[in-house]
Amino acid sequence: MRVSLKDVAERAGVSIKTVSNVVNKYPHVTPAMRERVQRAIDELGYQPNVTARHLRKGRTGIIALAVPELGNPYFAELAGAVIDAAADHDLTVLLDHTRGEREREVLVSQGFRARVIDGLILSPLELEVEDLRGRDGDDVPLVLLGERQYDLPYDHIAIDNVAAARVAVRHLIGRGRSTIAYLGGRTDSANRPAHLRMKGWREELTEAGIPAPDSLVGRVGGWDRQDGAEAMARMLDSGVRPDAVFAYNDLVAIGAMRVLHECGLRVPWDVAVIGFDDIAEGRFGAVTLTTISPDKQSIARLAVESLLRSLEGTESPGGHEIAAEFRLVERESTLGRR
């Protein structure tokens, strides 16, 4: 026989409303009362009927997360963090893979799944402002992740890429490096994170009085290990020999480190390397990777909470720029083996 809220209320000696407040995680319940009700829930083995709860609110209990590439460890780890954050609110996450293509990002943003989702978290690469104006799925709350800024009434969560890049380059300068390459140059829009990170690289070098010539910019066609390896090989083949590398992301850094090894250059003694994203792979190589670590859990939590505020009608009109934290994680690729 299914345990009901009434059963829990009778066991705890409280009202059904109090039990409901605890189950729904409402904040205005005293810790002592919450513990009392939770003890009764545990003793009786009560399981909330999540589906019925969502239906009473006119919702499905499903949100969507759309990212450019699930095969990229950063986005895979971010997706896991979003799923965990959503689970804290009894929400299920539907994953979508846009491949960073504008057409697919438009399709997702326009709410083609609006009938089955309560809200959308989207990390776009190619989406333009006009794609979001008057979107068909505007009744479905939207939260944007990443570095594209649209000046539209949607919450936008991102780290400060310029500041993060400057922290990375400052670390390399502090280790005595003076010929610092950037692997991640692109020719597309200046709003892309690659350009923001290159901007931070150039600003920090300029402030330190260190040259930042174009010959130290390694152009890439993508963001994977192979792209980093090819960019590093081209730079070395051209006769440019940096004593440090700041890579757009950890995958590019890992590819570059492989080429450096094949060329007989030791990391970090000959060339120090720092990446970006703090993916798990960087922690387990023969030389562990120093990196900029975005707070993925915070990004996920902020995104889910933003959707919930919109759904509950507590979000004020207009978009909000929400900054997530980051930190430098120092490892062997710049410090050497301790």
Protein backbone atom coordinates (compact mmCIF):
# COMPACT_ATOMS: atom_id res chain seq x y z
CA MET A 1 0.00 0.00 0.00
CA ARG A 2 1.38 3.40 -1.00
CA VAL A 3 2.44 5.68 1.85
CA SER A 4 0.66 9.06 1.64
CA LEU A 5 1.39 12.56 2.92
CA LYS A 6 -1.32 11.96 5.51
CA ASP A 7 0.52 8.91 6.82
CA VAL A 8 3.73 10.89 7.17
CA ALA A 9 1.87 13.77 8.86
CA GLU A 10 0.32 11.42 11.41
CA ARG A 11 3.68 9.76 12.16
CA ALA A 12 5.42 13.14 12.60
CA GLY A 13 2.50 14.74 14.46
CA VAL A 14 2.28 17.68 12.08
CA SER A 15 -0.10 18.97 9.42
CA ILE A 16 -0.18 17.63 5.85
CA LYS A 17 0.79 21.14 4.71
CA THR A 18 3.98 21.00 6.79
CA VAL A 19 4.91 17.66 5.25
CA SER A 20 4.25 19.12 1.79
CA ASN A 21 6.49 22.09 2.56
CA VAL A 22 9.32 19.76 3.55
CA VAL A 23 8.88 17.50 0.53
CA ASN A 24 8.82 20.50 -1.81
CA LYS A 25 11.92 21.97 -0.15
CA TYR A 26 10.24 25.23 0.81
CA PRO A 27 12.67 27.36 2.84
CA HIS A 28 10.31 28.58 5.59
CA VAL A 29 10.48 25.36 7.63
CA THR A 30 12.56 25.30 10.80
CA PRO A 31 15.49 22.85 10.85
CA ALA A 32 13.97 20.99 13.79
CA MET A 33 10.63 20.56 12.03
CA ARG A 34 12.35 19.54 8.79
CA GLU A 35 14.36 16.88 10.64
CA ARG A 36 11.21 15.62 12.40
CA VAL A 37 9.29 15.24 9.13
CA GLN A 38 12.28 13.72 7.34
CA ARG A 39 12.60 11.10 10.07
CA ALA A 40 8.97 10.10 9.53
CA ILE A 41 9.51 9.98 5.76
CA ASP A 42 12.52 7.69 6.21
CA GLU A 43 10.72 5.43 8.69
CA LEU A 44 7.70 4.96 6.44
CA GLY A 45 9.62 4.86 3.16
CA TYR A 46 7.51 7.62 1.64
CA GLN A 47 8.18 8.32 -2.06
CA PRO A 48 6.78 11.59 -3.49
CA ASN A 49 4.67 11.30 -6.63
CA VAL A 50 6.82 13.66 -8.66
CA THR A 51 4.77 13.29 -11.84
CA ALA A 52 1.56 14.29 -10.09
CA ARG A 53 3.29 17.26 -8.48
CA HIS A 54 4.48 18.57 -11.83
CA LEU A 55 1.09 18.02 -13.44
CA ARG A 56 -0.62 20.03 -10.70
CA LYS A 57 1.67 22.92 -11.65
CA GLY A 58 0.97 22.45 -15.36
CA ARG A 59 4.50 21.23 -16.08
CA THR A 60 6.21 18.13 -17.40
CA GLY A 61 9.13 18.13 -14.94
CA ILE A 62 11.56 18.00 -17.90
CA ILE A 63 14.11 20.62 -18.90
CA ALA A 64 16.44 20.49 -21.89
CA LEU A 65 20.18 21.11 -22.10
CA ALA A 66 21.61 21.76 -25.57
CA VAL A 67 25.40 21.80 -26.00
CA PRO A 68 27.65 21.91 -29.08
CA GLU A 69 29.43 18.61 -28.56
CA LEU A 70 28.72 15.88 -26.04
CA GLY A 71 31.96 14.15 -27.07
CA ASN A 72 33.91 17.08 -25.66
CA PRO A 73 34.75 16.18 -22.03
CA TYR A 74 33.99 19.71 -20.83
CA PHE A 75 30.42 19.57 -22.11
CA ALA A 76 30.01 15.99 -20.91
CA GLU A 77 31.08 17.02 -17.40
CA LEU A 78 28.87 20.12 -17.55
CA ALA A 79 25.91 17.97 -18.60
CA GLY A 80 26.50 15.71 -15.60
CA ALA A 81 26.54 18.75 -13.32
CA VAL A 82 23.28 20.06 -14.81
CA ILE A 83 21.63 16.65 -14.36
CA ASP A 84 22.71 16.61 -10.70
CA ALA A 85 21.52 20.19 -10.10
CA ALA A 86 18.17 19.44 -11.77
CA ALA A 87 17.72 16.27 -9.71
CA ASP A 88 17.84 18.38 -6.55
CA HIS A 89 14.58 19.90 -7.78
CA ASP A 90 13.05 16.63 -9.04
CA LEU A 91 13.63 17.64 -12.66
CA THR A 92 14.67 15.37 -15.53
CA VAL A 93 17.12 16.64 -18.15
CA LEU A 94 16.72 16.01 -21.89
CA LEU A 95 20.09 16.33 -23.65
CA ASP A 96 20.50 17.78 -27.13
CA HIS A 97 23.62 17.88 -29.30
CA THR A 98 23.73 20.82 -31.73
CA ARG A 99 27.24 20.20 -33.17
CA GLY A 100 27.69 23.97 -32.93
CA GLU A 101 25.65 24.42 -36.12
CA ARG A 102 23.51 27.53 -36.40
CA GLU A 103 20.57 25.71 -37.99
CA ARG A 104 20.36 23.22 -35.13
CA GLU A 105 20.82 25.93 -32.52
CA VAL A 106 17.97 27.91 -34.10
CA LEU A 107 15.75 24.82 -34.12
CA VAL A 108 16.42 24.16 -30.45
CA SER A 109 16.04 27.78 -29.37
CA GLN A 110 12.76 28.20 -31.26
CA GLY A 111 11.15 25.62 -29.02
CA PHE A 112 10.59 22.66 -31.31
CA ARG A 113 10.27 20.56 -28.14
CA ALA A 114 8.22 23.14 -26.26
CA ARG A 115 5.40 20.67 -25.66
CA VAL A 116 7.57 18.34 -23.63
CA ILE A 117 9.95 20.67 -21.75
CA ASP A 118 9.49 23.30 -19.08
CA GLY A 119 12.68 25.21 -19.89
CA LEU A 120 15.85 25.22 -21.98
CA ILE A 121 19.52 25.70 -21.10
CA LEU A 122 21.45 26.42 -24.31
CA SER A 123 25.18 26.76 -24.93
CA PRO A 124 25.36 28.33 -28.43
CA LEU A 125 28.32 28.85 -30.72
CA GLU A 126 26.78 30.24 -33.92
CA LEU A 127 23.37 31.58 -32.85
CA GLU A 128 22.82 35.26 -33.74
CA VAL A 129 20.70 37.94 -32.07
CA GLU A 130 18.10 37.88 -34.84
CA ASP A 131 17.64 34.14 -34.27
CA LEU A 132 16.36 34.80 -30.76
CA ARG A 133 14.17 37.85 -31.34
CA GLY A 134 10.51 36.86 -31.23
CA ARG A 135 11.35 33.19 -30.79
CA ASP A 136 8.37 30.88 -31.28
CA GLY A 137 9.08 29.05 -28.03
CA ASP A 138 9.19 32.26 -25.98
CA ASP A 139 6.76 30.79 -23.44
CA VAL A 140 9.51 28.28 -22.58
CA PRO A 141 12.13 29.92 -20.30
CA LEU A 142 15.61 30.08 -21.83
CA VAL A 143 18.99 30.39 -20.13
CA LEU A 144 22.14 30.93 -22.20
CA LEU A 145 25.58 29.60 -21.31
CA GLY A 146 28.94 30.62 -22.70
CA GLU A 147 30.49 33.73 -24.11
CA ARG A 148 28.02 34.87 -26.77
CA GLN A 149 26.27 38.05 -25.55
CA TYR A 150 22.89 38.86 -27.08
CA ASP A 151 21.51 41.82 -25.08
CA LEU A 152 18.12 40.11 -24.96
CA PRO A 153 15.81 39.28 -22.03
CA TYR A 154 17.39 35.92 -21.25
CA ASP A 155 19.69 35.11 -18.37
CA HIS A 156 23.27 34.54 -19.48
CA ILE A 157 25.79 32.63 -17.36
CA ALA A 158 29.50 32.69 -18.15
CA ILE A 159 32.93 33.10 -16.64
CA ASP A 160 35.09 36.11 -17.51
CA ASN A 161 37.25 34.58 -20.24
CA VAL A 162 39.54 37.58 -20.59
CA ALA A 163 40.27 37.64 -16.86
CA ALA A 164 40.77 33.86 -16.79
CA ALA A 165 43.22 34.00 -19.70
CA ARG A 166 45.17 36.75 -17.97
CA VAL A 167 45.44 34.61 -14.84
CA ALA A 168 46.83 31.75 -16.95
CA VAL A 169 49.41 33.95 -18.71
CA ARG A 170 50.35 35.67 -15.44
CA HIS A 171 51.12 32.26 -13.98
CA LEU A 172 53.44 31.46 -16.89
CA ILE A 173 55.20 34.82 -16.59
CA GLY A 174 55.61 34.16 -12.89
CA ARG A 175 57.37 30.91 -13.78
CA GLY A 176 59.94 32.91 -15.76
CA ARG A 177 58.50 32.35 -19.25
CA SER A 178 58.82 35.11 -21.82
CA THR A 179 57.97 33.57 -25.22
CA ILE A 180 54.40 32.50 -24.60
CA ALA A 181 52.35 31.11 -27.47
CA TYR A 182 48.57 30.99 -27.72
CA LEU A 183 47.05 27.95 -29.43
CA GLY A 184 43.46 28.66 -30.40
CA GLY A 185 43.45 31.48 -32.93
CA ARG A 186 40.33 31.65 -35.12
CA THR A 187 39.17 33.91 -37.93
CA ASP A 188 35.47 33.96 -37.00
CA SER A 189 33.49 36.38 -34.79
CA ALA A 190 35.28 38.26 -32.03
CA ASN A 191 32.55 37.19 -29.60
CA ARG A 192 33.86 33.64 -29.58
CA PRO A 193 35.65 32.43 -26.45
CA ALA A 194 38.77 31.76 -28.52
CA HIS A 195 39.06 35.47 -29.25
CA LEU A 196 38.30 36.49 -25.69
CA ARG A 197 41.02 34.17 -24.40
CA MET A 198 43.44 35.47 -27.01
CA LYS A 199 42.53 39.01 -25.94
CA GLY A 200 43.41 38.15 -22.34
CA TRP A 201 46.67 36.52 -23.49
CA ARG A 202 47.68 39.63 -25.42
CA GLU A 203 46.63 42.07 -22.68
CA GLU A 204 48.63 40.30 -19.98
CA LEU A 205 51.75 40.06 -22.12
CA THR A 206 51.49 43.72 -23.14
CA GLU A 207 51.10 44.83 -19.54
CA ALA A 208 54.20 42.83 -18.61
CA GLY A 209 56.17 44.39 -21.49
CA ILE A 210 56.48 41.05 -23.30
CA PRO A 211 56.02 40.86 -27.10
CA ALA A 212 52.91 39.12 -28.44
CA PRO A 213 53.58 38.78 -32.19
CA ASP A 214 51.18 36.96 -34.51
CA SER A 215 53.86 34.31 -35.04
CA LEU A 216 53.04 33.11 -31.50
CA VAL A 217 49.35 32.57 -32.34
CA GLY A 218 48.64 28.99 -33.38
CA ARG A 219 45.57 28.83 -35.64
CA VAL A 220 43.22 25.90 -35.13
CA GLY A 221 40.30 24.52 -37.10
CA GLY A 222 38.65 22.91 -34.07
CA TRP A 223 39.07 22.24 -30.39
CA ASP A 224 40.27 18.64 -30.19
CA ARG A 225 43.62 16.95 -29.50
CA GLN A 226 44.43 16.68 -33.21
CA ASP A 227 43.86 20.41 -33.69
CA GLY A 228 46.29 21.20 -30.89
CA ALA A 229 48.87 18.78 -32.22
CA GLU A 230 48.69 20.23 -35.74
CA ALA A 231 48.91 23.83 -34.51
CA MET A 232 51.91 23.04 -32.33
CA ALA A 233 53.67 21.19 -35.17
CA ARG A 234 53.11 24.07 -37.61
CA MET A 235 54.53 26.56 -35.14
CA LEU A 236 57.66 24.50 -34.49
CA ASP A 237 58.11 23.79 -38.20
CA SER A 238 58.02 27.54 -38.89
CA GLY A 239 61.02 28.00 -36.64
CA VAL A 240 59.12 29.58 -33.75
CA ARG A 241 60.18 28.05 -30.45
CA PRO A 242 58.08 29.22 -27.47
CA ASP A 243 59.06 28.48 -23.90
CA ALA A 244 55.40 28.31 -22.85
CA VAL A 245 52.00 27.57 -24.39
CA PHE A 246 48.58 28.79 -23.31
CA ALA A 247 46.00 26.60 -25.06
CA TYR A 248 42.36 27.41 -25.76
CA ASN A 249 41.29 24.28 -23.90
CA ASP A 250 42.70 21.15 -22.29
CA LEU A 251 42.23 19.01 -25.40
CA VAL A 252 44.27 21.43 -27.52
CA ALA A 253 46.90 21.50 -24.75
CA ILE A 254 47.09 17.70 -24.61
CA GLY A 255 47.59 17.51 -28.39
CA ALA A 256 50.32 20.14 -28.19
CA MET A 257 52.09 18.27 -25.37
CA ARG A 258 52.21 15.13 -27.49
CA VAL A 259 53.97 16.97 -30.33
CA LEU A 260 56.41 18.61 -27.92
CA HIS A 261 57.28 15.17 -26.56
CA GLU A 262 57.78 13.76 -30.06
CA CYS A 263 60.13 16.69 -30.85
CA GLY A 264 62.25 15.96 -27.79
CA LEU A 265 61.05 19.01 -25.85
CA ARG A 266 60.37 18.39 -22.19
CA VAL A 267 57.26 19.72 -20.45
CA PRO A 268 57.63 21.92 -18.44
CA TRP A 269 61.41 22.33 -18.46
CA ASP A 270 61.69 23.30 -22.13
CA VAL A 271 58.09 24.37 -22.71
CA ALA A 272 55.48 24.97 -20.00
CA VAL A 273 51.87 24.28 -20.98
CA ILE A 274 48.58 25.45 -19.52
CA GLY A 275 45.06 24.54 -20.66
CA PHE A 276 41.49 25.58 -19.95
CA ASP A 277 38.44 23.61 -18.67
CA ASP A 278 39.98 21.25 -16.08
CA ILE A 279 38.70 18.04 -17.67
CA ALA A 280 39.46 14.72 -15.97
CA GLU A 281 41.87 13.63 -18.73
CA GLY A 282 44.27 16.42 -17.79
CA ARG A 283 44.73 15.00 -14.31
CA PHE A 284 45.98 11.58 -15.39
CA GLY A 285 48.53 12.08 -18.18
CA ALA A 286 52.23 11.28 -17.86
CA VAL A 287 52.55 15.00 -17.13
CA THR A 288 49.47 16.37 -15.37
CA LEU A 289 48.05 19.54 -16.88
CA THR A 290 47.90 22.98 -15.27
CA THR A 291 44.57 24.51 -16.25
CA ILE A 292 41.92 27.16 -15.68
CA SER A 293 39.02 25.44 -13.95
CA PRO A 294 35.54 26.93 -14.51
CA ASP A 295 33.18 26.07 -11.66
CA LYS A 296 30.97 23.67 -13.63
CA GLN A 297 28.82 22.82 -10.61
CA SER A 298 28.16 26.51 -10.01
CA ILE A 299 27.34 27.11 -13.68
CA ALA A 300 24.89 24.19 -13.63
CA ARG A 301 23.27 25.27 -10.36
CA LEU A 302 22.89 28.89 -11.50
CA ALA A 303 21.33 27.78 -14.80
CA VAL A 304 18.78 25.47 -13.18
CA GLU A 305 17.90 28.03 -10.51
CA SER A 306 17.41 30.68 -13.19
CA LEU A 307 14.94 28.45 -15.03
CA LEU A 308 13.07 27.75 -11.81
CA ARG A 309 12.77 31.46 -11.01
CA SER A 310 11.26 32.02 -14.44
CA LEU A 311 8.86 29.12 -13.99
CA GLU A 312 7.79 30.34 -10.56
CA GLY A 313 7.35 33.90 -11.84
CA THR A 314 9.90 35.31 -9.41
CA GLU A 315 12.35 36.43 -12.10
CA SER A 316 12.30 40.16 -12.78
CA PRO A 317 11.85 41.18 -16.44
CA GLY A 318 14.93 41.38 -18.63
CA GLY A 319 18.05 39.27 -18.89
CA HIS A 320 20.72 39.05 -16.24
CA GLU A 321 24.46 38.63 -16.73
CA ILE A 322 25.48 36.07 -14.10
CA ALA A 323 29.19 35.53 -13.51
CA ALA A 324 30.42 32.08 -12.54
CA GLU A 325 33.70 31.56 -10.72
CA PHE A 326 36.94 30.05 -12.04
CA ARG A 327 40.31 29.20 -10.53
CA LEU A 328 43.82 28.30 -11.58
CA VAL A 329 44.79 24.67 -10.89
CA GLU A 330 48.58 24.29 -10.85
CA ARG A 331 50.01 20.93 -11.91
CA GLU A 332 53.14 19.39 -13.42
CA SER A 333 52.93 20.92 -16.91
CA THR A 334 54.06 24.27 -15.45
CA LEU A 335 55.48 23.34 -12.06
CA GLY A 336 57.38 20.15 -12.85
CA ARG A 337 57.20 16.99 -10.81
CA ARG A 338 57.46 17.64 -7.10
